[in-house]
C-alpha atoms as a PDB file:
ATOM      1  CA  MET A   1     -46.271 -34.955 -31.586  1.00  0.00           C
ATOM      2  CA  VAL A   2     -48.632 -33.461 -29.019  1.00  0.00           C
ATOM      3  CA  GLY A   3     -49.105 -34.641 -25.447  1.00  0.00           C
ATOM      4  CA  TYR A   4     -51.485 -33.339 -22.791  1.00  0.00           C
ATOM      5  CA  TYR A   5     -51.244 -33.031 -19.035  1.00  0.00           C
ATOM      6  CA  ALA A   6     -54.067 -31.959 -16.723  1.00  0.00           C
ATOM      7  CA  ALA A   7     -53.442 -30.315 -13.343  1.00  0.00           C
ATOM      8  CA  VAL A   8     -55.656 -28.665 -10.757  1.00  0.00           C
ATOM      9  CA  ALA A   9     -54.643 -25.273  -9.328  1.00  0.00           C
ATOM     10  CA  ALA A  10     -56.888 -23.343  -6.931  1.00  0.00           C
ATOM     11  CA  GLY A  11     -59.770 -25.643  -7.837  1.00  0.00           C
ATOM     12  CA  VAL A  12     -59.457 -24.968 -11.568  1.00  0.00           C
ATOM     13  CA  ARG A  13     -58.474 -27.718 -14.000  1.00  0.00           C
ATOM     14  CA  ILE A  14     -55.619 -26.615 -16.255  1.00  0.00           C
ATOM     15  CA  LEU A  15     -54.836 -28.540 -19.412  1.00  0.00           C
ATOM     16  CA  THR A  16     -51.346 -28.135 -20.793  1.00  0.00           C
ATOM     17  CA  ALA A  17     -50.432 -29.252 -24.305  1.00  0.00           C
ATOM     18  CA  TYR A  18     -46.828 -30.279 -24.963  1.00  0.00           C
ATOM     19  CA  ILE A  19     -45.598 -29.980 -28.557  1.00  0.00           C
ATOM     20  CA  ALA A  20     -42.145 -31.271 -29.447  1.00  0.00           C
ATOM     21  CA  PHE A  21     -40.162 -28.643 -31.368  1.00  0.00           C
ATOM     22  CA  ARG A  22     -38.516 -30.590 -34.181  1.00  0.00           C
ATOM     23  CA  PRO A  23     -37.801 -28.147 -37.029  1.00  0.00           C
ATOM     24  CA  GLN A  24     -36.843 -29.292 -40.514  1.00  0.00           C
ATOM     25  CA  SER A  25     -34.209 -27.385 -42.450  1.00  0.00           C
ATOM     26  CA  ASP A  26     -36.295 -26.980 -45.607  1.00  0.00           C
ATOM     27  CA  GLN A  27     -39.649 -25.746 -44.238  1.00  0.00           C
ATOM     28  CA  PRO A  28     -41.085 -23.862 -41.235  1.00  0.00           C
ATOM     29  CA  PHE A  29     -42.130 -25.899 -38.215  1.00  0.00           C
ATOM     30  CA  THR A  30     -45.921 -25.679 -37.816  1.00  0.00           C
ATOM     31  CA  PHE A  31     -48.400 -26.653 -35.100  1.00  0.00           C
ATOM     32  CA  ARG A  32     -51.946 -26.027 -33.878  1.00  0.00           C
ATOM     33  CA  THR A  33     -52.950 -25.660 -30.231  1.00  0.00           C
ATOM     34  CA  THR A  34     -55.188 -23.786 -27.810  1.00  0.00           C
ATOM     35  CA  VAL A  35     -53.843 -20.853 -25.780  1.00  0.00           C
ATOM     36  CA  GLY A  36     -56.118 -19.193 -23.235  1.00  0.00           C
ATOM     37  CA  GLY A  37     -59.156 -20.808 -24.817  1.00  0.00           C
ATOM     38  CA  ALA A  38     -58.332 -19.537 -28.319  1.00  0.00           C
ATOM     39  CA  GLN A  39     -57.305 -21.891 -31.111  1.00  0.00           C
ATOM     40  CA  VAL A  40     -54.028 -20.718 -32.666  1.00  0.00           C
ATOM     41  CA  PHE A  41     -51.909 -21.849 -35.585  1.00  0.00           C
ATOM     42  CA  GLY A  42     -48.173 -21.513 -35.109  1.00  0.00           C
ATOM     43  CA  SER A  43     -45.406 -21.308 -37.655  1.00  0.00           C
ATOM     44  CA  VAL A  44     -41.708 -21.161 -36.771  1.00  0.00           C
ATOM     45  CA  PRO A  45     -39.632 -20.052 -39.760  1.00  0.00           C
ATOM     46  CA  TRP A  46     -35.860 -19.657 -39.764  1.00  0.00           C
ATOM     47  CA  ASN A  47     -34.719 -16.111 -40.539  1.00  0.00           C
ATOM     48  CA  HIS A  48     -31.513 -16.365 -42.579  1.00  0.00           C
ATOM     49  CA  TYR A  49     -30.441 -12.759 -41.975  1.00  0.00           C
ATOM     50  CA  ALA A  50     -30.971 -12.791 -38.205  1.00  0.00           C
ATOM     51  CA  ARG A  51     -29.826 -16.434 -37.996  1.00  0.00           C
ATOM     52  CA  ARG A  52     -32.609 -17.369 -35.585  1.00  0.00           C
ATOM     53  CA  TYR A  53     -36.139 -18.716 -35.400  1.00  0.00           C
ATOM     54  CA  TYR A  54     -39.250 -16.544 -35.151  1.00  0.00           C
ATOM     55  CA  LEU A  55     -42.729 -17.519 -33.967  1.00  0.00           C
ATOM     56  CA  GLN A  56     -45.812 -16.440 -35.886  1.00  0.00           C
ATOM     57  CA  LEU A  57     -49.235 -17.085 -34.326  1.00  0.00           C
ATOM     58  CA  LYS A  58     -52.478 -16.759 -36.289  1.00  0.00           C
ATOM     59  CA  ASP A  59     -56.080 -17.089 -35.178  1.00  0.00           C
ATOM     60  CA  GLY A  60     -58.855 -19.043 -36.919  1.00  0.00           C
ATOM     61  CA  GLN A  61     -59.448 -16.202 -39.395  1.00  0.00           C
ATOM     62  CA  ASN A  62     -55.784 -16.232 -40.475  1.00  0.00           C
ATOM     63  CA  THR A  63     -55.070 -12.927 -38.688  1.00  0.00           C
ATOM     64  CA  VAL A  64     -51.557 -12.610 -37.274  1.00  0.00           C
ATOM     65  CA  ILE A  65     -51.822 -12.139 -33.510  1.00  0.00           C
ATOM     66  CA  ALA A  66     -48.116 -12.376 -32.683  1.00  0.00           C
ATOM     67  CA  TYR A  67     -44.798 -12.399 -34.538  1.00  0.00           C
ATOM     68  CA  VAL A  68     -41.892 -12.580 -32.112  1.00  0.00           C
ATOM     69  CA  PRO A  69     -38.338 -13.920 -31.903  1.00  0.00           C
ATOM     70  CA  LEU A  70     -38.394 -17.446 -30.533  1.00  0.00           C
ATOM     71  CA  VAL A  71     -36.961 -17.254 -27.016  1.00  0.00           C
ATOM     72  CA  ALA A  72     -36.671 -20.378 -24.884  1.00  0.00           C
ATOM     73  CA  SER A  73     -37.668 -20.372 -21.217  1.00  0.00           C
ATOM     74  CA  PRO A  74     -35.442 -21.891 -18.527  1.00  0.00           C
ATOM     75  CA  ASP A  75     -36.900 -24.346 -16.014  1.00  0.00           C
ATOM     76  CA  GLY A  76     -38.779 -22.519 -13.283  1.00  0.00           C
ATOM     77  CA  TYR A  77     -39.458 -19.362 -15.325  1.00  0.00           C
ATOM     78  CA  ASP A  78     -41.894 -18.788 -18.184  1.00  0.00           C
ATOM     79  CA  ILE A  79     -41.356 -16.337 -21.043  1.00  0.00           C
ATOM     80  CA  ASN A  80     -44.818 -16.019 -22.579  1.00  0.00           C
ATOM     81  CA  LEU A  81     -44.601 -15.943 -26.375  1.00  0.00           C
ATOM     82  CA  ALA A  82     -48.347 -15.325 -26.759  1.00  0.00           C
ATOM     83  CA  LEU A  83     -48.799 -12.063 -24.862  1.00  0.00           C
ATOM     84  CA  PRO A  84     -51.907 -10.966 -26.829  1.00  0.00           C
ATOM     85  CA  LEU A  85     -53.617 -14.058 -25.382  1.00  0.00           C
ATOM     86  CA  ALA A  86     -52.975 -13.011 -21.785  1.00  0.00           C
ATOM     87  CA  SER A  87     -55.419 -15.467 -20.255  1.00  0.00           C
ATOM     88  CA  GLY A  88     -53.133 -18.285 -21.402  1.00  0.00           C
ATOM     89  CA  LYS A  89     -49.493 -18.748 -22.233  1.00  0.00           C
ATOM     90  CA  LEU A  90     -47.218 -20.389 -24.742  1.00  0.00           C
ATOM     91  CA  VAL A  91     -43.611 -21.077 -23.806  1.00  0.00           C
ATOM     92  CA  LEU A  92     -40.760 -22.991 -25.401  1.00  0.00           C
ATOM     93  CA  ARG A  93     -38.987 -24.924 -22.637  1.00  0.00           C
ATOM     94  CA  ASP A  94     -35.237 -24.914 -23.254  1.00  0.00           C
ATOM     95  CA  SER A  95     -34.490 -28.126 -21.349  1.00  0.00           C
ATOM     96  CA  THR A  96     -37.007 -30.250 -23.285  1.00  0.00           C
ATOM     97  CA  GLN A  97     -37.327 -28.316 -26.572  1.00  0.00           C
ATOM     98  CA  GLN A  98     -41.113 -28.517 -26.228  1.00  0.00           C
ATOM     99  CA  PHE A  99     -43.778 -25.853 -26.525  1.00  0.00           C
ATOM    100  CA  GLU A 100     -46.076 -25.734 -23.484  1.00  0.00           C
ATOM    101  CA  ALA A 101     -49.524 -24.256 -24.179  1.00  0.00           C
ATOM    102  CA  THR A 102     -52.146 -23.463 -21.531  1.00  0.00           C
END
């Protein structure tokens, strides 16, 4: 489920996509969104050895652009999970269990 919210900051319209993080136990959670103007495909597999989720982001040519441990952000502070796409950001909000993509 994806929702969108538009805001205006310093005269620039910012569109934020909200993606509910609802993983299934038998397959990686997947989604598609835009971060910093670039279309990305996300996959969130469970790592059995580390006992945690990881986030893999790929671009339109199936090139991995990020593979990081999934770390949730508290309210009021953003931990950007898509650092290679510095003009935008992707965070997982702990309080809502939603990805926020700008």
